[in-house]
Full PDB file with SEQRES, HELIX, SHEET, SSBOND, CRYST1, ORIGX, SCALE, CONECT and MASTER records, all heavy atoms in Angstrom:
SEQRES   1 A   34  ARG VAL SER TRP LEU LEU ASP ARG GLN ARG ALA ASP GLY          
SEQRES   2 A   34  GLY TRP GLY GLY PRO ASP GLY TYR ALA LEU VAL PRO THR          
SEQRES   3 A   34  LEU SER ALA THR GLU ALA LEU LEU                              
HELIX    1 AA1 VAL A    2  ASP A    7  1                                   6    
HELIX    2 AA2 ASP A   19  ALA A   22  5                                   4    
HELIX    3 AA3 LEU A   23  LEU A   33  1                                  11    
CRYST1    1.000    1.000    1.000  90.00  90.00  90.00 P 1           1          
ORIGX1      1.000000  0.000000  0.000000        0.00000                         
ORIGX2      0.000000  1.000000  0.000000        0.00000                         
ORIGX3      0.000000  0.000000  1.000000        0.00000                         
SCALE1      1.000000  0.000000  0.000000        0.00000                         
SCALE2      0.000000  1.000000  0.000000        0.00000                         
SCALE3      0.000000  0.000000  1.000000        0.00000                         
ATOM      1  N   ARG A   1      -4.592   3.007  11.144  1.00  0.00           N  
ATOM      2  CA  ARG A   1      -4.287   1.565  11.115  1.00  0.00           C  
ATOM      3  C   ARG A   1      -4.710   0.940   9.788  1.00  0.00           C  
ATOM      4  O   ARG A   1      -3.991   0.102   9.229  1.00  0.00           O  
ATOM      5  CB  ARG A   1      -4.966   0.865  12.309  1.00  0.00           C  
ATOM      6  CG  ARG A   1      -4.240   1.088  13.622  1.00  0.00           C  
ATOM      7  CD  ARG A   1      -4.869   0.296  14.770  1.00  0.00           C  
ATOM      8  NE  ARG A   1      -6.073   0.957  15.281  1.00  0.00           N  
ATOM      9  CZ  ARG A   1      -6.078   1.934  16.166  1.00  0.00           C  
ATOM     10  NH1 ARG A   1      -4.938   2.396  16.644  1.00  0.00           N  
ATOM     11  NH2 ARG A   1      -7.207   2.460  16.592  1.00  0.00           N  
ATOM     12  N   VAL A   2      -5.885   1.334   9.280  1.00  0.00           N  
ATOM     13  CA  VAL A   2      -6.325   0.794   7.991  1.00  0.00           C  
ATOM     14  C   VAL A   2      -5.346   1.190   6.890  1.00  0.00           C  
ATOM     15  O   VAL A   2      -4.930   0.351   6.064  1.00  0.00           O  
ATOM     16  CB  VAL A   2      -7.744   1.283   7.662  1.00  0.00           C  
ATOM     17  CG1 VAL A   2      -8.140   0.862   6.238  1.00  0.00           C  
ATOM     18  CG2 VAL A   2      -8.749   0.728   8.669  1.00  0.00           C  
ATOM     19  N   SER A   3      -4.957   2.449   6.861  1.00  0.00           N  
ATOM     20  CA  SER A   3      -4.008   2.908   5.836  1.00  0.00           C  
ATOM     21  C   SER A   3      -2.667   2.211   5.969  1.00  0.00           C  
ATOM     22  O   SER A   3      -2.015   1.877   4.972  1.00  0.00           O  
ATOM     23  CB  SER A   3      -3.830   4.422   5.939  1.00  0.00           C  
ATOM     24  OG  SER A   3      -5.048   5.088   5.661  1.00  0.00           O  
ATOM     25  N   TRP A   4      -2.244   1.997   7.197  1.00  0.00           N  
ATOM     26  CA  TRP A   4      -0.965   1.309   7.451  1.00  0.00           C  
ATOM     27  C   TRP A   4      -1.007  -0.107   6.877  1.00  0.00           C  
ATOM     28  O   TRP A   4      -0.034  -0.567   6.265  1.00  0.00           O  
ATOM     29  CB  TRP A   4      -0.692   1.306   8.943  1.00  0.00           C  
ATOM     30  CG  TRP A   4       0.640   0.763   9.355  1.00  0.00           C  
ATOM     31  CD1 TRP A   4       1.822   1.428   9.420  1.00  0.00           C  
ATOM     32  CD2 TRP A   4       0.918  -0.583   9.809  1.00  0.00           C  
ATOM     33  NE1 TRP A   4       2.823   0.595   9.872  1.00  0.00           N  
ATOM     34  CE2 TRP A   4       2.291  -0.649  10.113  1.00  0.00           C  
ATOM     35  CE3 TRP A   4       0.146  -1.728   9.975  1.00  0.00           C  
ATOM     36  CZ2 TRP A   4       2.908  -1.803  10.574  1.00  0.00           C  
ATOM     37  CZ3 TRP A   4       0.755  -2.886  10.438  1.00  0.00           C  
ATOM     38  CH2 TRP A   4       2.124  -2.920  10.729  1.00  0.00           C  
ATOM     39  N   LEU A   5      -2.123  -0.800   7.074  1.00  0.00           N  
ATOM     40  CA  LEU A   5      -2.246  -2.147   6.518  1.00  0.00           C  
ATOM     41  C   LEU A   5      -2.177  -2.117   4.988  1.00  0.00           C  
ATOM     42  O   LEU A   5      -1.489  -2.937   4.372  1.00  0.00           O  
ATOM     43  CB  LEU A   5      -3.561  -2.785   6.968  1.00  0.00           C  
ATOM     44  CG  LEU A   5      -3.670  -3.197   8.435  1.00  0.00           C  
ATOM     45  CD1 LEU A   5      -5.063  -3.722   8.734  1.00  0.00           C  
ATOM     46  CD2 LEU A   5      -2.625  -4.241   8.798  1.00  0.00           C  
ATOM     47  N   LEU A   6      -2.892  -1.180   4.390  1.00  0.00           N  
ATOM     48  CA  LEU A   6      -2.876  -1.092   2.934  1.00  0.00           C  
ATOM     49  C   LEU A   6      -1.467  -0.820   2.409  1.00  0.00           C  
ATOM     50  O   LEU A   6      -1.042  -1.395   1.388  1.00  0.00           O  
ATOM     51  CB  LEU A   6      -3.823   0.009   2.472  1.00  0.00           C  
ATOM     52  CG  LEU A   6      -5.322  -0.249   2.666  1.00  0.00           C  
ATOM     53  CD1 LEU A   6      -6.122   1.000   2.305  1.00  0.00           C  
ATOM     54  CD2 LEU A   6      -5.784  -1.434   1.833  1.00  0.00           C  
ATOM     55  N   ASP A   7      -0.731   0.018   3.099  1.00  0.00           N  
ATOM     56  CA  ASP A   7       0.619   0.372   2.655  1.00  0.00           C  
ATOM     57  C   ASP A   7       1.589  -0.793   2.748  1.00  0.00           C  
ATOM     58  O   ASP A   7       2.632  -0.789   2.070  1.00  0.00           O  
ATOM     59  CB  ASP A   7       1.166   1.535   3.487  1.00  0.00           C  
ATOM     60  CG  ASP A   7       0.474   2.853   3.168  1.00  0.00           C  
ATOM     61  OD1 ASP A   7      -0.203   2.929   2.130  1.00  0.00           O  
ATOM     62  OD2 ASP A   7       0.592   3.793   3.981  1.00  0.00           O  
ATOM     63  N   ARG A   8       1.292  -1.770   3.576  1.00  0.00           N  
ATOM     64  CA  ARG A   8       2.233  -2.859   3.809  1.00  0.00           C  
ATOM     65  C   ARG A   8       1.893  -4.150   3.084  1.00  0.00           C  
ATOM     66  O   ARG A   8       2.532  -5.175   3.294  1.00  0.00           O  
ATOM     67  CB  ARG A   8       2.384  -3.102   5.319  1.00  0.00           C  
ATOM     68  CG  ARG A   8       3.413  -2.161   5.891  1.00  0.00           C  
ATOM     69  CD  ARG A   8       3.165  -1.783   7.332  1.00  0.00           C  
ATOM     70  NE  ARG A   8       4.139  -0.747   7.702  1.00  0.00           N  
ATOM     71  CZ  ARG A   8       4.030   0.546   7.373  1.00  0.00           C  
ATOM     72  NH1 ARG A   8       2.996   0.960   6.667  1.00  0.00           N  
ATOM     73  NH2 ARG A   8       4.958   1.417   7.742  1.00  0.00           N  
ATOM     74  N   GLN A   9       0.898  -4.113   2.237  1.00  0.00           N  
ATOM     75  CA  GLN A   9       0.612  -5.307   1.452  1.00  0.00           C  
ATOM     76  C   GLN A   9       1.716  -5.530   0.427  1.00  0.00           C  
ATOM     77  O   GLN A   9       2.189  -4.593  -0.217  1.00  0.00           O  
ATOM     78  CB  GLN A   9      -0.730  -5.183   0.744  1.00  0.00           C  
ATOM     79  CG  GLN A   9      -1.161  -6.491   0.065  1.00  0.00           C  
ATOM     80  CD  GLN A   9      -2.583  -6.416  -0.455  1.00  0.00           C  
ATOM     81  OE1 GLN A   9      -3.075  -5.344  -0.800  1.00  0.00           O  
ATOM     82  NE2 GLN A   9      -3.256  -7.564  -0.523  1.00  0.00           N  
ATOM     83  N   ARG A  10       2.139  -6.767   0.303  1.00  0.00           N  
ATOM     84  CA  ARG A  10       3.196  -7.113  -0.640  1.00  0.00           C  
ATOM     85  C   ARG A  10       2.651  -7.201  -2.064  1.00  0.00           C  
ATOM     86  O   ARG A  10       1.448  -7.288  -2.273  1.00  0.00           O  
ATOM     87  CB  ARG A  10       3.825  -8.449  -0.243  1.00  0.00           C  
ATOM     88  CG  ARG A  10       4.361  -8.455   1.170  1.00  0.00           C  
ATOM     89  CD  ARG A  10       5.060  -9.731   1.581  1.00  0.00           C  
ATOM     90  NE  ARG A  10       4.622 -10.960   0.974  1.00  0.00           N  
ATOM     91  CZ  ARG A  10       4.857 -12.170   1.483  1.00  0.00           C  
ATOM     92  NH1 ARG A  10       5.531 -12.286   2.621  1.00  0.00           N  
ATOM     93  NH2 ARG A  10       4.447 -13.251   0.863  1.00  0.00           N  
ATOM     94  N   ALA A  11       3.547  -7.218  -3.019  1.00  0.00           N  
ATOM     95  CA  ALA A  11       3.141  -7.303  -4.424  1.00  0.00           C  
ATOM     96  C   ALA A  11       2.390  -8.593  -4.722  1.00  0.00           C  
ATOM     97  O   ALA A  11       1.532  -8.634  -5.614  1.00  0.00           O  
ATOM     98  CB  ALA A  11       4.374  -7.188  -5.320  1.00  0.00           C  
ATOM     99  N   ASP A  12       2.683  -9.664  -3.973  1.00  0.00           N  
ATOM    100  CA  ASP A  12       2.017 -10.947  -4.214  1.00  0.00           C  
ATOM    101  C   ASP A  12       0.682 -11.064  -3.484  1.00  0.00           C  
ATOM    102  O   ASP A  12       0.035 -12.110  -3.539  1.00  0.00           O  
ATOM    103  CB  ASP A  12       2.934 -12.112  -3.846  1.00  0.00           C  
ATOM    104  CG  ASP A  12       3.285 -12.157  -2.368  1.00  0.00           C  
ATOM    105  OD1 ASP A  12       2.836 -11.269  -1.602  1.00  0.00           O  
ATOM    106  OD2 ASP A  12       4.039 -13.075  -1.964  1.00  0.00           O  
ATOM    107  N   GLY A  13       0.263 -10.011  -2.782  1.00  0.00           N  
ATOM    108  CA  GLY A  13      -1.019 -10.015  -2.091  1.00  0.00           C  
ATOM    109  C   GLY A  13      -0.945 -10.357  -0.622  1.00  0.00           C  
ATOM    110  O   GLY A  13      -1.933 -10.215   0.100  1.00  0.00           O  
ATOM    111  N   GLY A  14       0.212 -10.835  -0.182  1.00  0.00           N  
ATOM    112  CA  GLY A  14       0.347 -11.208   1.217  1.00  0.00           C  
ATOM    113  C   GLY A  14       0.858 -10.067   2.076  1.00  0.00           C  
ATOM    114  O   GLY A  14       1.186  -8.981   1.615  1.00  0.00           O  
ATOM    115  N   TRP A  15       0.892 -10.347   3.355  1.00  0.00           N  
ATOM    116  CA  TRP A  15       1.492  -9.442   4.325  1.00  0.00           C  
ATOM    117  C   TRP A  15       2.479 -10.249   5.184  1.00  0.00           C  
ATOM    118  O   TRP A  15       2.337 -11.461   5.336  1.00  0.00           O  
ATOM    119  CB  TRP A  15       0.441  -8.866   5.271  1.00  0.00           C  
ATOM    120  CG  TRP A  15      -0.374  -7.730   4.778  1.00  0.00           C  
ATOM    121  CD1 TRP A  15      -0.143  -6.397   4.974  1.00  0.00           C  
ATOM    122  CD2 TRP A  15      -1.600  -7.799   4.033  1.00  0.00           C  
ATOM    123  NE1 TRP A  15      -1.142  -5.642   4.405  1.00  0.00           N  
ATOM    124  CE2 TRP A  15      -2.044  -6.474   3.816  1.00  0.00           C  
ATOM    125  CE3 TRP A  15      -2.362  -8.852   3.522  1.00  0.00           C  
ATOM    126  CZ2 TRP A  15      -3.217  -6.179   3.131  1.00  0.00           C  
ATOM    127  CZ3 TRP A  15      -3.526  -8.562   2.834  1.00  0.00           C  
ATOM    128  CH2 TRP A  15      -3.940  -7.247   2.638  1.00  0.00           C  
ATOM    129  N   GLY A  16       3.471  -9.583   5.740  1.00  0.00           N  
ATOM    130  CA  GLY A  16       4.354 -10.236   6.684  1.00  0.00           C  
ATOM    131  C   GLY A  16       5.643 -10.723   6.063  1.00  0.00           C  
ATOM    132  O   GLY A  16       6.057 -10.297   4.982  1.00  0.00           O  
ATOM    133  N   GLY A  17       6.292 -11.657   6.747  1.00  0.00           N  
ATOM    134  CA  GLY A  17       7.605 -12.120   6.367  1.00  0.00           C  
ATOM    135  C   GLY A  17       7.596 -13.140   5.248  1.00  0.00           C  
ATOM    136  O   GLY A  17       6.537 -13.562   4.757  1.00  0.00           O  
ATOM    137  N   PRO A  18       8.797 -13.565   4.833  1.00  0.00           N  
ATOM    138  CA  PRO A  18       8.902 -14.575   3.773  1.00  0.00           C  
ATOM    139  C   PRO A  18       8.399 -15.938   4.229  1.00  0.00           C  
ATOM    140  O   PRO A  18       8.117 -16.168   5.405  1.00  0.00           O  
ATOM    141  CB  PRO A  18      10.421 -14.620   3.498  1.00  0.00           C  
ATOM    142  CG  PRO A  18      10.987 -13.390   4.115  1.00  0.00           C  
ATOM    143  CD  PRO A  18      10.101 -13.066   5.279  1.00  0.00           C  
ATOM    144  N   ASP A  19       8.296 -16.821   3.261  1.00  0.00           N  
ATOM    145  CA  ASP A  19       7.950 -18.221   3.512  1.00  0.00           C  
ATOM    146  C   ASP A  19       6.596 -18.299   4.225  1.00  0.00           C  
ATOM    147  O   ASP A  19       5.716 -17.491   4.012  1.00  0.00           O  
ATOM    148  CB  ASP A  19       9.059 -18.911   4.309  1.00  0.00           C  
ATOM    149  CG  ASP A  19      10.404 -18.864   3.599  1.00  0.00           C  
ATOM    150  OD1 ASP A  19      10.427 -18.763   2.357  1.00  0.00           O  
ATOM    151  OD2 ASP A  19      11.448 -18.886   4.288  1.00  0.00           O  
ATOM    152  N   GLY A  20       6.436 -19.256   5.099  1.00  0.00           N  
ATOM    153  CA  GLY A  20       5.154 -19.442   5.785  1.00  0.00           C  
ATOM    154  C   GLY A  20       4.822 -18.370   6.788  1.00  0.00           C  
ATOM    155  O   GLY A  20       3.714 -18.359   7.342  1.00  0.00           O  
ATOM    156  N   TYR A  21       5.749 -17.460   7.049  1.00  0.00           N  
ATOM    157  CA  TYR A  21       5.491 -16.399   8.034  1.00  0.00           C  
ATOM    158  C   TYR A  21       4.444 -15.403   7.555  1.00  0.00           C  
ATOM    159  O   TYR A  21       4.003 -14.556   8.336  1.00  0.00           O  
ATOM    160  CB  TYR A  21       6.785 -15.669   8.362  1.00  0.00           C  
ATOM    161  CG  TYR A  21       7.728 -16.487   9.204  1.00  0.00           C  
ATOM    162  CD1 TYR A  21       8.839 -17.108   8.639  1.00  0.00           C  
ATOM    163  CD2 TYR A  21       7.510 -16.657  10.563  1.00  0.00           C  
ATOM    164  CE1 TYR A  21       9.710 -17.866   9.413  1.00  0.00           C  
ATOM    165  CE2 TYR A  21       8.363 -17.407  11.348  1.00  0.00           C  
ATOM    166  CZ  TYR A  21       9.471 -18.010  10.762  1.00  0.00           C  
ATOM    167  OH  TYR A  21      10.320 -18.763  11.541  1.00  0.00           O  
ATOM    168  N   ALA A  22       4.035 -15.463   6.308  1.00  0.00           N  
ATOM    169  CA  ALA A  22       3.010 -14.550   5.814  1.00  0.00           C  
ATOM    170  C   ALA A  22       1.594 -15.014   6.132  1.00  0.00           C  
ATOM    171  O   ALA A  22       0.653 -14.224   6.028  1.00  0.00           O  
ATOM    172  CB  ALA A  22       3.161 -14.380   4.299  1.00  0.00           C  
ATOM    173  N   LEU A  23       1.400 -16.268   6.517  1.00  0.00           N  
ATOM    174  CA  LEU A  23       0.049 -16.813   6.633  1.00  0.00           C  
ATOM    175  C   LEU A  23      -0.782 -16.077   7.687  1.00  0.00           C  
ATOM    176  O   LEU A  23      -1.878 -15.576   7.396  1.00  0.00           O  
ATOM    177  CB  LEU A  23       0.114 -18.304   6.952  1.00  0.00           C  
ATOM    178  CG  LEU A  23      -1.242 -18.989   7.196  1.00  0.00           C  
ATOM    179  CD1 LEU A  23      -2.154 -18.822   5.987  1.00  0.00           C  
ATOM    180  CD2 LEU A  23      -1.052 -20.468   7.526  1.00  0.00           C  
ATOM    181  N   VAL A  24      -0.293 -16.011   8.903  1.00  0.00           N  
ATOM    182  CA  VAL A  24      -1.065 -15.405   9.992  1.00  0.00           C  
ATOM    183  C   VAL A  24      -1.322 -13.921   9.751  1.00  0.00           C  
ATOM    184  O   VAL A  24      -2.470 -13.457   9.865  1.00  0.00           O  
ATOM    185  CB  VAL A  24      -0.378 -15.666  11.345  1.00  0.00           C  
ATOM    186  CG1 VAL A  24      -0.927 -14.754  12.434  1.00  0.00           C  
ATOM    187  CG2 VAL A  24      -0.555 -17.129  11.751  1.00  0.00           C  
ATOM    188  N   PRO A  25      -0.298 -13.104   9.422  1.00  0.00           N  
ATOM    189  CA  PRO A  25      -0.603 -11.687   9.176  1.00  0.00           C  
ATOM    190  C   PRO A  25      -1.519 -11.457   7.982  1.00  0.00           C  
ATOM    191  O   PRO A  25      -2.336 -10.526   7.995  1.00  0.00           O  
ATOM    192  CB  PRO A  25       0.779 -11.054   8.958  1.00  0.00           C  
ATOM    193  CG  PRO A  25       1.712 -12.181   8.685  1.00  0.00           C  
ATOM    194  CD  PRO A  25       1.155 -13.360   9.391  1.00  0.00           C  
ATOM    195  N   THR A  26      -1.432 -12.305   6.946  1.00  0.00           N  
ATOM    196  CA  THR A  26      -2.306 -12.119   5.793  1.00  0.00           C  
ATOM    197  C   THR A  26      -3.755 -12.465   6.136  1.00  0.00           C  
ATOM    198  O   THR A  26      -4.700 -11.783   5.700  1.00  0.00           O  
ATOM    199  CB  THR A  26      -1.826 -12.960   4.596  1.00  0.00           C  
ATOM    200  OG1 THR A  26      -0.474 -12.586   4.280  1.00  0.00           O  
ATOM    201  CG2 THR A  26      -2.693 -12.730   3.378  1.00  0.00           C  
ATOM    202  N   LEU A  27      -3.957 -13.501   6.911  1.00  0.00           N  
ATOM    203  CA  LEU A  27      -5.306 -13.810   7.384  1.00  0.00           C  
ATOM    204  C   LEU A  27      -5.880 -12.638   8.171  1.00  0.00           C  
ATOM    205  O   LEU A  27      -7.036 -12.233   7.970  1.00  0.00           O  
ATOM    206  CB  LEU A  27      -5.281 -15.060   8.263  1.00  0.00           C  
ATOM    207  CG  LEU A  27      -5.403 -16.415   7.563  1.00  0.00           C  
ATOM    208  CD1 LEU A  27      -5.040 -17.544   8.530  1.00  0.00           C  
ATOM    209  CD2 LEU A  27      -6.821 -16.617   7.024  1.00  0.00           C  
ATOM    210  N   SER A  28      -5.086 -12.076   9.054  1.00  0.00           N  
ATOM    211  CA  SER A  28      -5.569 -10.981   9.900  1.00  0.00           C  
ATOM    212  C   SER A  28      -5.878  -9.740   9.082  1.00  0.00           C  
ATOM    213  O   SER A  28      -6.944  -9.115   9.238  1.00  0.00           O  
ATOM    214  CB  SER A  28      -4.523 -10.651  10.970  1.00  0.00           C  
ATOM    215  OG  SER A  28      -4.968  -9.615  11.811  1.00  0.00           O  
ATOM    216  N   ALA A  29      -4.954  -9.338   8.206  1.00  0.00           N  
ATOM    217  CA  ALA A  29      -5.167  -8.132   7.408  1.00  0.00           C  
ATOM    218  C   ALA A  29      -6.344  -8.296   6.462  1.00  0.00           C  
ATOM    219  O   ALA A  29      -7.162  -7.367   6.292  1.00  0.00           O  
ATOM    220  CB  ALA A  29      -3.889  -7.799   6.629  1.00  0.00           C  
ATOM    221  N   THR A  30      -6.469  -9.454   5.831  1.00  0.00           N  
ATOM    222  CA  THR A  30      -7.572  -9.681   4.891  1.00  0.00           C  
ATOM    223  C   THR A  30      -8.905  -9.649   5.612  1.00  0.00           C  
ATOM    224  O   THR A  30      -9.875  -9.013   5.149  1.00  0.00           O  
ATOM    225  CB  THR A  30      -7.377 -11.020   4.167  1.00  0.00           C  
ATOM    226  OG1 THR A  30      -6.115 -11.019   3.488  1.00  0.00           O  
ATOM    227  CG2 THR A  30      -8.492 -11.257   3.161  1.00  0.00           C  
ATOM    228  N   GLU A  31      -8.995 -10.322   6.760  1.00  0.00           N  
ATOM    229  CA  GLU A  31     -10.253 -10.308   7.519  1.00  0.00           C  
ATOM    230  C   GLU A  31     -10.584  -8.905   7.986  1.00  0.00           C  
ATOM    231  O   GLU A  31     -11.761  -8.491   7.965  1.00  0.00           O  
ATOM    232  CB  GLU A  31     -10.133 -11.253   8.717  1.00  0.00           C  
ATOM    233  CG  GLU A  31     -11.467 -11.630   9.356  1.00  0.00           C  
ATOM    234  CD  GLU A  31     -12.047 -10.528  10.238  1.00  0.00           C  
ATOM    235  OE1 GLU A  31     -11.255  -9.727  10.809  1.00  0.00           O  
ATOM    236  OE2 GLU A  31     -13.294 -10.458  10.371  1.00  0.00           O  
ATOM    237  N   ALA A  32      -9.561  -8.130   8.380  1.00  0.00           N  
ATOM    238  CA  ALA A  32      -9.791  -6.753   8.826  1.00  0.00           C  
ATOM    239  C   ALA A  32     -10.372  -5.910   7.689  1.00  0.00           C  
ATOM    240  O   ALA A  32     -11.328  -5.142   7.889  1.00  0.00           O  
ATOM    241  CB  ALA A  32      -8.482  -6.144   9.331  1.00  0.00           C  
ATOM    242  N   LEU A  33      -9.825  -6.039   6.477  1.00  0.00           N  
ATOM    243  CA  LEU A  33     -10.322  -5.259   5.351  1.00  0.00           C  
ATOM    244  C   LEU A  33     -11.740  -5.680   4.963  1.00  0.00           C  
ATOM    245  O   LEU A  33     -12.578  -4.839   4.609  1.00  0.00           O  
ATOM    246  CB  LEU A  33      -9.382  -5.404   4.158  1.00  0.00           C  
ATOM    247  CG  LEU A  33      -7.966  -4.847   4.338  1.00  0.00           C  
ATOM    248  CD1 LEU A  33      -7.153  -5.025   3.064  1.00  0.00           C  
ATOM    249  CD2 LEU A  33      -7.998  -3.377   4.738  1.00  0.00           C  
ATOM    250  N   LEU A  34     -12.028  -6.974   5.041  1.00  0.00           N  
ATOM    251  CA  LEU A  34     -13.392  -7.434   4.774  1.00  0.00           C  
ATOM    252  C   LEU A  34     -14.373  -6.847   5.789  1.00  0.00           C  
ATOM    253  O   LEU A  34     -15.498  -6.459   5.437  1.00  0.00           O  
ATOM    254  CB  LEU A  34     -13.450  -8.963   4.806  1.00  0.00           C  
ATOM    255  CG  LEU A  34     -12.756  -9.687   3.645  1.00  0.00           C  
ATOM    256  CD1 LEU A  34     -12.650 -11.175   3.937  1.00  0.00           C  
ATOM    257  CD2 LEU A  34     -13.499  -9.446   2.328  1.00  0.00           C  
TER     258      LEU A  34                                                      
MASTER        0    0    0    3    0    0    0    6  257    1    0    3          
END                                                                             
């Protein structure tokens, strides 16, 4: 799961879909890595 998250980070640092859809998944992935 950790590797999967790392593989799916976008070039801009976010995770998830375009527009505001990246907010929730990026919060979750970032907190998980911390």
